[in-house]
C-alpha atoms as a PDB file:
ATOM      1  CA  UNK A   1     -27.972 -61.264  34.217  1.00  0.00           C
ATOM      2  CA  UNK A   2     -27.755 -57.486  34.232  1.00  0.00           C
ATOM      3  CA  UNK A   3     -26.317 -55.842  31.106  1.00  0.00           C
ATOM      4  CA  UNK A   4     -24.242 -52.808  32.098  1.00  0.00           C
ATOM      5  CA  UNK A   5     -24.589 -49.805  29.790  1.00  0.00           C
ATOM      6  CA  UNK A   6     -21.882 -49.320  27.207  1.00  0.00           C
ATOM      7  CA  UNK A   7     -22.856 -45.695  26.577  1.00  0.00           C
ATOM      8  CA  UNK A   8     -22.924 -42.825  29.075  1.00  0.00           C
ATOM      9  CA  UNK A   9     -26.544 -41.812  29.768  1.00  0.00           C
ATOM     10  CA  UNK A  10     -25.523 -38.140  30.115  1.00  0.00           C
ATOM     11  CA  UNK A  11     -23.459 -37.579  26.961  1.00  0.00           C
ATOM     12  CA  UNK A  12     -23.663 -40.745  24.847  1.00  0.00           C
ATOM     13  CA  UNK A  13     -19.902 -41.414  24.919  1.00  0.00           C
ATOM     14  CA  UNK A  14     -18.598 -44.938  25.321  1.00  0.00           C
ATOM     15  CA  UNK A  15     -18.502 -46.313  28.853  1.00  0.00           C
ATOM     16  CA  UNK A  16     -15.552 -48.660  29.257  1.00  0.00           C
ATOM     17  CA  UNK A  17     -13.901 -50.833  31.856  1.00  0.00           C
ATOM     18  CA  UNK A  18     -10.224 -49.956  31.981  1.00  0.00           C
ATOM     19  CA  UNK A  19      -7.382 -52.357  32.680  1.00  0.00           C
ATOM     20  CA  UNK A  20      -5.660 -51.829  36.026  1.00  0.00           C
ATOM     21  CA  UNK A  21      -1.978 -51.213  35.188  1.00  0.00           C
ATOM     22  CA  UNK A  22      -0.768 -52.913  38.372  1.00  0.00           C
ATOM     23  CA  UNK A  23      -2.882 -56.061  38.345  1.00  0.00           C
ATOM     24  CA  UNK A  24      -3.618 -56.382  34.633  1.00  0.00           C
ATOM     25  CA  UNK A  25      -7.295 -57.017  35.485  1.00  0.00           C
ATOM     26  CA  UNK A  26     -10.353 -55.127  34.288  1.00  0.00           C
ATOM     27  CA  UNK A  27     -11.663 -52.486  36.697  1.00  0.00           C
ATOM     28  CA  UNK A  28     -14.978 -53.307  38.327  1.00  0.00           C
ATOM     29  CA  UNK A  29     -16.605 -50.066  37.154  1.00  0.00           C
ATOM     30  CA  UNK A  30     -17.320 -48.600  33.755  1.00  0.00           C
ATOM     31  CA  UNK A  31     -16.218 -45.034  33.136  1.00  0.00           C
ATOM     32  CA  UNK A  32     -17.508 -42.528  30.620  1.00  0.00           C
ATOM     33  CA  UNK A  33     -14.891 -41.623  28.030  1.00  0.00           C
ATOM     34  CA  UNK A  34     -16.585 -38.267  27.335  1.00  0.00           C
ATOM     35  CA  UNK A  35     -14.196 -36.287  29.532  1.00  0.00           C
ATOM     36  CA  UNK A  36     -14.737 -32.557  29.096  1.00  0.00           C
ATOM     37  CA  UNK A  37     -17.911 -32.910  27.014  1.00  0.00           C
ATOM     38  CA  UNK A  38     -19.796 -34.976  29.604  1.00  0.00           C
ATOM     39  CA  UNK A  39     -22.056 -32.751  31.723  1.00  0.00           C
ATOM     40  CA  UNK A  40     -22.354 -35.378  34.471  1.00  0.00           C
ATOM     41  CA  UNK A  41     -18.566 -35.520  34.839  1.00  0.00           C
ATOM     42  CA  UNK A  42     -18.351 -31.722  34.877  1.00  0.00           C
ATOM     43  CA  UNK A  43     -20.886 -31.487  37.706  1.00  0.00           C
ATOM     44  CA  UNK A  44     -19.147 -34.203  39.742  1.00  0.00           C
ATOM     45  CA  UNK A  45     -15.750 -32.508  39.239  1.00  0.00           C
ATOM     46  CA  UNK A  46     -17.193 -29.241  40.541  1.00  0.00           C
ATOM     47  CA  UNK A  47     -18.757 -30.987  43.538  1.00  0.00           C
ATOM     48  CA  UNK A  48     -15.377 -32.546  44.318  1.00  0.00           C
ATOM     49  CA  UNK A  49     -13.606 -29.181  43.919  1.00  0.00           C
ATOM     50  CA  UNK A  50     -15.840 -27.400  46.447  1.00  0.00           C
ATOM     51  CA  UNK A  51     -16.107 -30.404  48.769  1.00  0.00           C
ATOM     52  CA  UNK A  52     -15.051 -30.610  52.405  1.00  0.00           C
ATOM     53  CA  UNK A  53     -11.667 -32.236  51.718  1.00  0.00           C
ATOM     54  CA  UNK A  54     -10.803 -29.837  48.895  1.00  0.00           C
ATOM     55  CA  UNK A  55     -11.672 -26.118  48.921  1.00  0.00           C
ATOM     56  CA  UNK A  56     -14.550 -26.560  51.408  1.00  0.00           C
ATOM     57  CA  UNK A  57     -16.664 -23.627  50.224  1.00  0.00           C
ATOM     58  CA  UNK A  58     -19.517 -23.091  52.675  1.00  0.00           C
ATOM     59  CA  UNK A  59     -22.928 -22.735  51.037  1.00  0.00           C
ATOM     60  CA  UNK A  60     -21.813 -24.308  47.770  1.00  0.00           C
ATOM     61  CA  UNK A  61     -22.977 -27.896  48.048  1.00  0.00           C
ATOM     62  CA  UNK A  62     -24.281 -30.478  45.607  1.00  0.00           C
ATOM     63  CA  UNK A  63     -27.639 -28.777  45.058  1.00  0.00           C
ATOM     64  CA  UNK A  64     -26.078 -25.357  44.397  1.00  0.00           C
ATOM     65  CA  UNK A  65     -23.477 -26.813  42.015  1.00  0.00           C
ATOM     66  CA  UNK A  66     -26.228 -28.545  40.036  1.00  0.00           C
ATOM     67  CA  UNK A  67     -28.204 -25.286  39.988  1.00  0.00           C
ATOM     68  CA  UNK A  68     -25.273 -23.175  38.770  1.00  0.00           C
ATOM     69  CA  UNK A  69     -24.207 -25.749  36.180  1.00  0.00           C
ATOM     70  CA  UNK A  70     -27.632 -25.567  34.530  1.00  0.00           C
ATOM     71  CA  UNK A  71     -28.352 -21.862  35.168  1.00  0.00           C
ATOM     72  CA  UNK A  72     -28.299 -19.851  31.919  1.00  0.00           C
ATOM     73  CA  UNK A  73     -27.730 -16.535  33.733  1.00  0.00           C
ATOM     74  CA  UNK A  74     -24.779 -17.484  35.970  1.00  0.00           C
ATOM     75  CA  UNK A  75     -23.366 -20.733  34.597  1.00  0.00           C
ATOM     76  CA  UNK A  76     -20.567 -22.515  36.451  1.00  0.00           C
ATOM     77  CA  UNK A  77     -18.921 -25.082  34.196  1.00  0.00           C
ATOM     78  CA  UNK A  78     -15.379 -25.077  35.553  1.00  0.00           C
ATOM     79  CA  UNK A  79     -13.727 -24.187  38.877  1.00  0.00           C
ATOM     80  CA  UNK A  80     -12.609 -20.737  37.673  1.00  0.00           C
ATOM     81  CA  UNK A  81     -16.270 -19.803  37.082  1.00  0.00           C
ATOM     82  CA  UNK A  82     -16.894 -20.055  40.834  1.00  0.00           C
ATOM     83  CA  UNK A  83     -14.470 -17.229  41.515  1.00  0.00           C
ATOM     84  CA  UNK A  84     -16.054 -14.916  38.938  1.00  0.00           C
ATOM     85  CA  UNK A  85     -19.589 -15.548  40.177  1.00  0.00           C
ATOM     86  CA  UNK A  86     -19.884 -12.365  42.252  1.00  0.00           C
ATOM     87  CA  UNK A  87     -18.673 -10.099  39.446  1.00  0.00           C
ATOM     88  CA  UNK A  88     -20.923 -11.812  36.912  1.00  0.00           C
ATOM     89  CA  UNK A  89     -23.897 -11.489  39.281  1.00  0.00           C
ATOM     90  CA  UNK A  90     -23.211  -7.759  39.705  1.00  0.00           C
ATOM     91  CA  UNK A  91     -23.196  -7.313  35.917  1.00  0.00           C
ATOM     92  CA  UNK A  92     -26.278  -9.482  35.370  1.00  0.00           C
ATOM     93  CA  UNK A  93     -29.813  -8.071  35.200  1.00  0.00           C
ATOM     94  CA  UNK A  94     -31.224 -11.233  36.839  1.00  0.00           C
ATOM     95  CA  UNK A  95     -29.669 -11.164  40.308  1.00  0.00           C
ATOM     96  CA  UNK A  96     -28.943 -14.339  42.210  1.00  0.00           C
ATOM     97  CA  UNK A  97     -30.719 -13.010  45.315  1.00  0.00           C
ATOM     98  CA  UNK A  98     -33.983 -12.967  43.327  1.00  0.00           C
ATOM     99  CA  UNK A  99     -33.820 -16.631  42.316  1.00  0.00           C
ATOM    100  CA  UNK A 100     -35.655 -19.438  44.098  1.00  0.00           C
ATOM    101  CA  UNK A 101     -33.686 -20.831  47.015  1.00  0.00           C
ATOM    102  CA  UNK A 102     -31.536 -17.738  47.402  1.00  0.00           C
ATOM    103  CA  UNK A 103     -31.963 -14.506  49.325  1.00  0.00           C
ATOM    104  CA  UNK A 104     -29.834 -11.455  49.951  1.00  0.00           C
ATOM    105  CA  UNK A 105     -28.216 -12.916  53.089  1.00  0.00           C
ATOM    106  CA  UNK A 106     -27.485 -16.336  51.593  1.00  0.00           C
ATOM    107  CA  UNK A 107     -25.943 -14.720  48.496  1.00  0.00           C
ATOM    108  CA  UNK A 108     -23.783 -12.420  50.650  1.00  0.00           C
ATOM    109  CA  UNK A 109     -22.655 -15.410  52.736  1.00  0.00           C
ATOM    110  CA  UNK A 110     -21.925 -17.454  49.594  1.00  0.00           C
ATOM    111  CA  UNK A 111     -19.816 -14.703  48.027  1.00  0.00           C
ATOM    112  CA  UNK A 112     -17.937 -14.237  51.326  1.00  0.00           C
ATOM    113  CA  UNK A 113     -17.234 -17.971  51.547  1.00  0.00           C
ATOM    114  CA  UNK A 114     -15.960 -18.016  47.960  1.00  0.00           C
ATOM    115  CA  UNK A 115     -13.731 -14.987  48.580  1.00  0.00           C
ATOM    116  CA  UNK A 116     -12.304 -16.654  51.693  1.00  0.00           C
ATOM    117  CA  UNK A 117     -11.241 -19.680  49.629  1.00  0.00           C
ATOM    118  CA  UNK A 118      -9.318 -17.734  46.974  1.00  0.00           C
ATOM    119  CA  UNK A 119      -6.220 -18.511  49.028  1.00  0.00           C
ATOM    120  CA  UNK A 120      -6.049 -22.162  50.036  1.00  0.00           C
ATOM    121  CA  UNK A 121      -3.326 -24.629  51.004  1.00  0.00           C
ATOM    122  CA  UNK A 122      -1.623 -26.123  47.940  1.00  0.00           C
ATOM    123  CA  UNK A 123      -2.449 -29.704  48.915  1.00  0.00           C
ATOM    124  CA  UNK A 124      -6.175 -28.874  49.077  1.00  0.00           C
ATOM    125  CA  UNK A 125      -6.019 -27.252  45.622  1.00  0.00           C
ATOM    126  CA  UNK A 126      -4.180 -30.233  44.129  1.00  0.00           C
ATOM    127  CA  UNK A 127      -6.690 -32.642  45.645  1.00  0.00           C
ATOM    128  CA  UNK A 128      -9.591 -30.426  44.560  1.00  0.00           C
ATOM    129  CA  UNK A 129      -8.507 -30.584  40.923  1.00  0.00           C
ATOM    130  CA  UNK A 130      -9.742 -34.174  40.928  1.00  0.00           C
ATOM    131  CA  UNK A 131      -6.811 -35.700  39.093  1.00  0.00           C
ATOM    132  CA  UNK A 132      -7.373 -39.440  38.851  1.00  0.00           C
ATOM    133  CA  UNK A 133      -5.255 -41.457  41.296  1.00  0.00           C
ATOM    134  CA  UNK A 134      -4.282 -38.301  43.231  1.00  0.00           C
ATOM    135  CA  UNK A 135      -5.859 -38.594  46.653  1.00  0.00           C
ATOM    136  CA  UNK A 136      -5.344 -36.504  49.757  1.00  0.00           C
ATOM    137  CA  UNK A 137      -2.082 -38.214  50.734  1.00  0.00           C
ATOM    138  CA  UNK A 138      -0.488 -37.861  47.300  1.00  0.00           C
ATOM    139  CA  UNK A 139      -1.682 -34.254  47.106  1.00  0.00           C
ATOM    140  CA  UNK A 140       0.085 -33.547  50.419  1.00  0.00           C
ATOM    141  CA  UNK A 141       3.279 -35.184  49.136  1.00  0.00           C
ATOM    142  CA  UNK A 142       3.188 -33.165  45.906  1.00  0.00           C
ATOM    143  CA  UNK A 143       2.537 -29.932  47.811  1.00  0.00           C
ATOM    144  CA  UNK A 144       5.390 -30.634  50.207  1.00  0.00           C
ATOM    145  CA  UNK A 145       7.778 -31.509  47.362  1.00  0.00           C
ATOM    146  CA  UNK A 146       6.983 -28.570  45.060  1.00  0.00           C
ATOM    147  CA  UNK A 147       6.103 -25.954  47.671  1.00  0.00           C
ATOM    148  CA  UNK A 148       4.147 -23.675  45.326  1.00  0.00           C
ATOM    149  CA  UNK A 149       1.652 -23.951  42.510  1.00  0.00           C
ATOM    150  CA  UNK A 150       4.101 -22.255  40.156  1.00  0.00           C
ATOM    151  CA  UNK A 151       6.794 -24.879  40.856  1.00  0.00           C
ATOM    152  CA  UNK A 152       4.287 -27.695  40.366  1.00  0.00           C
ATOM    153  CA  UNK A 153       3.057 -26.144  37.141  1.00  0.00           C
ATOM    154  CA  UNK A 154       6.614 -25.666  35.848  1.00  0.00           C
ATOM    155  CA  UNK A 155       7.385 -29.324  36.577  1.00  0.00           C
ATOM    156  CA  UNK A 156       4.565 -30.325  34.238  1.00  0.00           C
ATOM    157  CA  UNK A 157       5.755 -28.251  31.294  1.00  0.00           C
ATOM    158  CA  UNK A 158       7.804 -29.933  28.567  1.00  0.00           C
ATOM    159  CA  UNK A 159      11.451 -28.980  28.378  1.00  0.00           C
ATOM    160  CA  UNK A 160      12.149 -26.984  25.255  1.00  0.00           C
ATOM    161  CA  UNK A 161      15.108 -28.084  23.176  1.00  0.00           C
ATOM    162  CA  UNK A 162      17.991 -25.679  22.700  1.00  0.00           C
ATOM    163  CA  UNK A 163      18.691 -24.623  19.098  1.00  0.00           C
ATOM    164  CA  UNK A 164      21.007 -27.144  17.528  1.00  0.00           C
ATOM    165  CA  UNK A 165      19.893 -30.027  19.801  1.00  0.00           C
ATOM    166  CA  UNK A 166      18.411 -33.101  18.133  1.00  0.00           C
END
């Protein structure tokens, strides 16, 4: 019989099988508990964020995400880093256009594609965030219900108690 790993090969955190809340049964897959410290999870989250069903950024596929995640000059570790890439490249001595696999035209096209996705439908942003159990359909329902990112964000904030309450 095959012994499934109990530790994540990327970060060394525990890999566990969670209990499905609805059925009470163990999930079939093991998941790394490393969260934000796991580089493999960070890369996969970024791939999901730029994917076709989420922000759909042309020229920023799996290979480019892996490159940027490991690049010391222009690192991309979280979605916000994607949108600062052009400014960081302009300020950097080692230009992206001079790196293997990139050229002036491909870099220009990449930065244009990123700029074009700074404004995106709310449902695509929600889905792109990669929140567990939030698929495309639920993202559309949340976007329709809240209408704006600000309203969605406000709904997630705890209600502050008035002085004298509790």
